[in-house]
Amino acid sequence: MKHPDKQSFDTANVFGTGAPNDAFAPYFIGRSYLQGLTEPTDQVPLSLANVSFEPGCRNNWHRHDAATGGGQVLICTAGEGWYQSEGKDPVELTEGTVVVVPPNTKHWHGAKADSWFSHIAFILPGTEQSNVWLEPVDDEQYGRLAD
């Protein structure tokens, strides 16, 4: 369900919008927000975060590299957005959509132009892991997506 206004989005976004995601702002077009849900421990090395995007916000192309294991999972929780891996068609994201991003896969994700959007994101455990931030999804490329 699209949420063009913040008030309706806040009602649907059960995990909360969180604080401005300023640490990662250089890797986003538009404003994103981060609400931590768990902290990794020695027993459970997994961190969950709810990432919210204002309408039109998207992250740069990027990869979650790993020598073994790894990859990312996105669980869409509110609003509508997009996911695309390199060389493939964009995938529409709606509440309840789950996306499994294989390790070392160039991809991006973010909100539709006319809707707030959030997803829970987590990186699967692996070895020699790193995030590699790449070029932005430019306005022309993003503008070709059909809402």
C-alpha atoms as a PDB file:
ATOM      1  CA  MET A   1       0.000   0.000   0.000  1.00  0.00           C
ATOM      2  CA  LYS A   2       1.390   3.374  -0.971  1.00  0.00           C
ATOM      3  CA  HIS A   3       1.908   5.963   1.745  1.00  0.00           C
ATOM      4  CA  PRO A   4       2.425   9.335   0.056  1.00  0.00           C
ATOM      5  CA  ASP A   5       2.226  11.225   3.355  1.00  0.00           C
ATOM      6  CA  LYS A   6       4.337  10.761   6.482  1.00  0.00           C
ATOM      7  CA  GLN A   7       1.342  10.515   8.827  1.00  0.00           C
ATOM      8  CA  SER A   8      -0.168   7.437   7.159  1.00  0.00           C
ATOM      9  CA  PHE A   9       3.310   5.898   6.819  1.00  0.00           C
ATOM     10  CA  ASP A  10       4.047   6.373  10.534  1.00  0.00           C
ATOM     11  CA  THR A  11       0.828   4.540  11.378  1.00  0.00           C
ATOM     12  CA  ALA A  12       1.769   1.576   9.136  1.00  0.00           C
ATOM     13  CA  ASN A  13       5.486   1.498   9.992  1.00  0.00           C
ATOM     14  CA  VAL A  14       5.203  -0.707  13.094  1.00  0.00           C
ATOM     15  CA  PHE A  15       8.954  -0.759  13.818  1.00  0.00           C
ATOM     16  CA  GLY A  16       9.291   3.026  13.768  1.00  0.00           C
ATOM     17  CA  THR A  17      11.045   5.397  11.414  1.00  0.00           C
ATOM     18  CA  GLY A  18      14.080   5.956  13.640  1.00  0.00           C
ATOM     19  CA  ALA A  19      16.707   8.664  13.394  1.00  0.00           C
ATOM     20  CA  PRO A  20      18.080  10.257  10.225  1.00  0.00           C
ATOM     21  CA  ASN A  21      20.593   7.863   8.673  1.00  0.00           C
ATOM     22  CA  ASP A  22      23.284  10.561   8.497  1.00  0.00           C
ATOM     23  CA  ALA A  23      26.260   8.178   8.665  1.00  0.00           C
ATOM     24  CA  PHE A  24      25.214   6.630   5.343  1.00  0.00           C
ATOM     25  CA  ALA A  25      23.797   9.797   3.728  1.00  0.00           C
ATOM     26  CA  PRO A  26      26.629   9.950   1.141  1.00  0.00           C
ATOM     27  CA  TYR A  27      25.349   6.643  -0.272  1.00  0.00           C
ATOM     28  CA  PHE A  28      21.704   7.719  -0.686  1.00  0.00           C
ATOM     29  CA  ILE A  29      19.779  10.073  -2.917  1.00  0.00           C
ATOM     30  CA  GLY A  30      17.122  11.559  -0.630  1.00  0.00           C
ATOM     31  CA  ARG A  31      16.718  11.048   3.088  1.00  0.00           C
ATOM     32  CA  SER A  32      16.691   7.699   4.847  1.00  0.00           C
ATOM     33  CA  TYR A  33      16.167   6.790   8.498  1.00  0.00           C
ATOM     34  CA  LEU A  34      17.500   3.976  10.639  1.00  0.00           C
ATOM     35  CA  GLN A  35      15.798   2.189  13.538  1.00  0.00           C
ATOM     36  CA  GLY A  36      18.020  -0.477  15.097  1.00  0.00           C
ATOM     37  CA  LEU A  37      16.090  -3.556  16.202  1.00  0.00           C
ATOM     38  CA  THR A  38      18.862  -5.826  17.546  1.00  0.00           C
ATOM     39  CA  GLU A  39      22.559  -5.676  18.308  1.00  0.00           C
ATOM     40  CA  PRO A  40      24.851  -8.543  17.317  1.00  0.00           C
ATOM     41  CA  THR A  41      26.398 -10.618  20.109  1.00  0.00           C
ATOM     42  CA  ASP A  42      28.937 -13.451  20.216  1.00  0.00           C
ATOM     43  CA  GLN A  43      26.056 -15.926  20.482  1.00  0.00           C
ATOM     44  CA  VAL A  44      23.906 -14.318  17.742  1.00  0.00           C
ATOM     45  CA  PRO A  45      26.067 -12.391  15.256  1.00  0.00           C
ATOM     46  CA  LEU A  46      23.139 -10.781  13.449  1.00  0.00           C
ATOM     47  CA  SER A  47      21.976  -7.183  13.460  1.00  0.00           C
ATOM     48  CA  LEU A  48      18.461  -6.237  12.333  1.00  0.00           C
ATOM     49  CA  ALA A  49      17.514  -2.690  11.365  1.00  0.00           C
ATOM     50  CA  ASN A  50      14.370  -1.085   9.986  1.00  0.00           C
ATOM     51  CA  VAL A  51      15.417   1.298   7.222  1.00  0.00           C
ATOM     52  CA  SER A  52      12.858   3.897   6.102  1.00  0.00           C
ATOM     53  CA  PHE A  53      13.021   5.940   2.899  1.00  0.00           C
ATOM     54  CA  GLU A  54      11.177   9.149   2.059  1.00  0.00           C
ATOM     55  CA  PRO A  55       9.459   9.158  -1.361  1.00  0.00           C
ATOM     56  CA  GLY A  56      12.060   8.999  -4.138  1.00  0.00           C
ATOM     57  CA  CYS A  57      14.908   8.031  -1.789  1.00  0.00           C
ATOM     58  CA  ARG A  58      17.148   5.186  -2.871  1.00  0.00           C
ATOM     59  CA  ASN A  59      20.598   3.938  -2.020  1.00  0.00           C
ATOM     60  CA  ASN A  60      23.498   3.715  -4.438  1.00  0.00           C
ATOM     61  CA  TRP A  61      24.361   0.560  -6.273  1.00  0.00           C
ATOM     62  CA  HIS A  62      26.309  -1.573  -3.823  1.00  0.00           C
ATOM     63  CA  ARG A  63      27.464  -5.080  -2.960  1.00  0.00           C
ATOM     64  CA  HIS A  64      27.710  -7.090   0.244  1.00  0.00           C
ATOM     65  CA  ASP A  65      30.875  -9.033  -0.468  1.00  0.00           C
ATOM     66  CA  ALA A  66      31.880 -12.194   1.386  1.00  0.00           C
ATOM     67  CA  ALA A  67      34.400 -14.972   0.848  1.00  0.00           C
ATOM     68  CA  THR A  68      31.887 -17.492   2.235  1.00  0.00           C
ATOM     69  CA  GLY A  69      28.282 -17.103   3.367  1.00  0.00           C
ATOM     70  CA  GLY A  70      26.987 -13.561   3.487  1.00  0.00           C
ATOM     71  CA  GLY A  71      24.383 -11.803   1.419  1.00  0.00           C
ATOM     72  CA  GLN A  72      21.503  -9.608   2.528  1.00  0.00           C
ATOM     73  CA  VAL A  73      17.815 -10.149   3.281  1.00  0.00           C
ATOM     74  CA  LEU A  74      15.190  -7.408   2.967  1.00  0.00           C
ATOM     75  CA  ILE A  75      11.742  -7.813   4.528  1.00  0.00           C
ATOM     76  CA  CYS A  76       9.405  -5.072   3.348  1.00  0.00           C
ATOM     77  CA  THR A  77       7.310  -3.725   6.219  1.00  0.00           C
ATOM     78  CA  ALA A  78       5.491  -0.571   5.035  1.00  0.00           C
ATOM     79  CA  GLY A  79       4.898   1.409   1.867  1.00  0.00           C
ATOM     80  CA  GLU A  80       6.151   0.596  -1.614  1.00  0.00           C
ATOM     81  CA  GLY A  81       9.607   0.524  -3.136  1.00  0.00           C
ATOM     82  CA  TRP A  82      11.977  -0.981  -5.677  1.00  0.00           C
ATOM     83  CA  TYR A  83      14.829  -3.497  -5.702  1.00  0.00           C
ATOM     84  CA  GLN A  84      17.088  -4.171  -8.654  1.00  0.00           C
ATOM     85  CA  SER A  85      20.133  -6.353  -9.142  1.00  0.00           C
ATOM     86  CA  GLU A  86      22.518  -5.611 -11.983  1.00  0.00           C
ATOM     87  CA  GLY A  87      21.373  -6.889 -15.363  1.00  0.00           C
ATOM     88  CA  LYS A  88      17.865  -7.739 -14.159  1.00  0.00           C
ATOM     89  CA  ASP A  89      14.520  -5.966 -14.268  1.00  0.00           C
ATOM     90  CA  PRO A  90      13.479  -3.915 -11.221  1.00  0.00           C
ATOM     91  CA  VAL A  91      11.266  -5.722  -8.702  1.00  0.00           C
ATOM     92  CA  GLU A  92       8.356  -3.934  -7.063  1.00  0.00           C
ATOM     93  CA  LEU A  93       8.482  -4.126  -3.264  1.00  0.00           C
ATOM     94  CA  THR A  94       5.291  -4.100  -1.225  1.00  0.00           C
ATOM     95  CA  GLU A  95       4.472  -4.887   2.381  1.00  0.00           C
ATOM     96  CA  GLY A  96       5.350  -8.532   3.036  1.00  0.00           C
ATOM     97  CA  THR A  97       7.799  -8.931   0.137  1.00  0.00           C
ATOM     98  CA  VAL A  98      11.009 -10.750   1.055  1.00  0.00           C
ATOM     99  CA  VAL A  99      14.129 -10.331  -1.077  1.00  0.00           C
ATOM    100  CA  VAL A 100      17.218 -12.499  -0.686  1.00  0.00           C
ATOM    101  CA  VAL A 101      20.282 -10.798  -2.162  1.00  0.00           C
ATOM    102  CA  PRO A 102      23.087 -13.268  -2.848  1.00  0.00           C
ATOM    103  CA  PRO A 103      26.555 -12.236  -1.673  1.00  0.00           C
ATOM    104  CA  ASN A 104      28.699 -10.233  -4.105  1.00  0.00           C
ATOM    105  CA  THR A 105      25.604  -9.090  -6.057  1.00  0.00           C
ATOM    106  CA  LYS A 106      25.506  -5.492  -7.315  1.00  0.00           C
ATOM    107  CA  HIS A 107      22.079  -4.063  -6.425  1.00  0.00           C
ATOM    108  CA  TRP A 108      20.110  -1.101  -5.072  1.00  0.00           C
ATOM    109  CA  HIS A 109      16.800  -0.576  -3.251  1.00  0.00           C
ATOM    110  CA  GLY A 110      14.615   2.301  -2.160  1.00  0.00           C
ATOM    111  CA  ALA A 111      11.213   3.964  -2.150  1.00  0.00           C
ATOM    112  CA  LYS A 112       8.925   4.567  -5.067  1.00  0.00           C
ATOM    113  CA  ALA A 113       8.741   8.195  -6.172  1.00  0.00           C
ATOM    114  CA  ASP A 114       5.299   8.632  -4.612  1.00  0.00           C
ATOM    115  CA  SER A 115       5.476   6.542  -1.421  1.00  0.00           C
ATOM    116  CA  TRP A 116       7.330   6.300   1.856  1.00  0.00           C
ATOM    117  CA  PHE A 117       8.893   2.845   2.253  1.00  0.00           C
ATOM    118  CA  SER A 118      10.563   0.724   4.919  1.00  0.00           C
ATOM    119  CA  HIS A 119      12.219  -2.657   5.141  1.00  0.00           C
ATOM    120  CA  ILE A 120      14.022  -4.679   7.744  1.00  0.00           C
ATOM    121  CA  ALA A 121      17.537  -5.333   6.481  1.00  0.00           C
ATOM    122  CA  PHE A 122      20.121  -7.766   7.682  1.00  0.00           C
ATOM    123  CA  ILE A 123      23.387  -9.195   6.472  1.00  0.00           C
ATOM    124  CA  LEU A 124      23.750 -12.954   6.689  1.00  0.00           C
ATOM    125  CA  PRO A 125      26.822 -14.169   8.596  1.00  0.00           C
ATOM    126  CA  GLY A 126      29.890 -14.984   6.524  1.00  0.00           C
ATOM    127  CA  THR A 127      33.642 -14.562   6.332  1.00  0.00           C
ATOM    128  CA  GLU A 128      35.713 -11.650   5.026  1.00  0.00           C
ATOM    129  CA  GLN A 129      32.614  -9.484   4.664  1.00  0.00           C
ATOM    130  CA  SER A 130      32.529  -5.912   3.426  1.00  0.00           C
ATOM    131  CA  ASN A 131      30.037  -3.455   1.981  1.00  0.00           C
ATOM    132  CA  VAL A 132      31.170  -1.919  -1.282  1.00  0.00           C
ATOM    133  CA  TRP A 133      29.360   1.317  -2.180  1.00  0.00           C
ATOM    134  CA  LEU A 134      29.235   2.155  -5.882  1.00  0.00           C
ATOM    135  CA  GLU A 135      27.675   4.769  -8.177  1.00  0.00           C
ATOM    136  CA  PRO A 136      24.274   6.400  -7.536  1.00  0.00           C
ATOM    137  CA  VAL A 137      21.092   5.315  -9.280  1.00  0.00           C
ATOM    138  CA  ASP A 138      20.747   8.516 -11.271  1.00  0.00           C
ATOM    139  CA  ASP A 139      17.521  10.446 -11.745  1.00  0.00           C
ATOM    140  CA  GLU A 140      17.143   9.387 -15.387  1.00  0.00           C
ATOM    141  CA  GLN A 141      17.508   5.681 -14.591  1.00  0.00           C
ATOM    142  CA  TYR A 142      15.201   5.961 -11.574  1.00  0.00           C
ATOM    143  CA  GLY A 143      12.664   8.023 -13.543  1.00  0.00           C
ATOM    144  CA  ARG A 144      12.164   5.160 -16.032  1.00  0.00           C
ATOM    145  CA  LEU A 145      10.569   3.015 -13.300  1.00  0.00           C
ATOM    146  CA  ALA A 146       6.805   2.771 -13.574  1.00  0.00           C
ATOM    147  CA  ASP A 147       4.916   3.492 -10.362  1.00  0.00           C
END
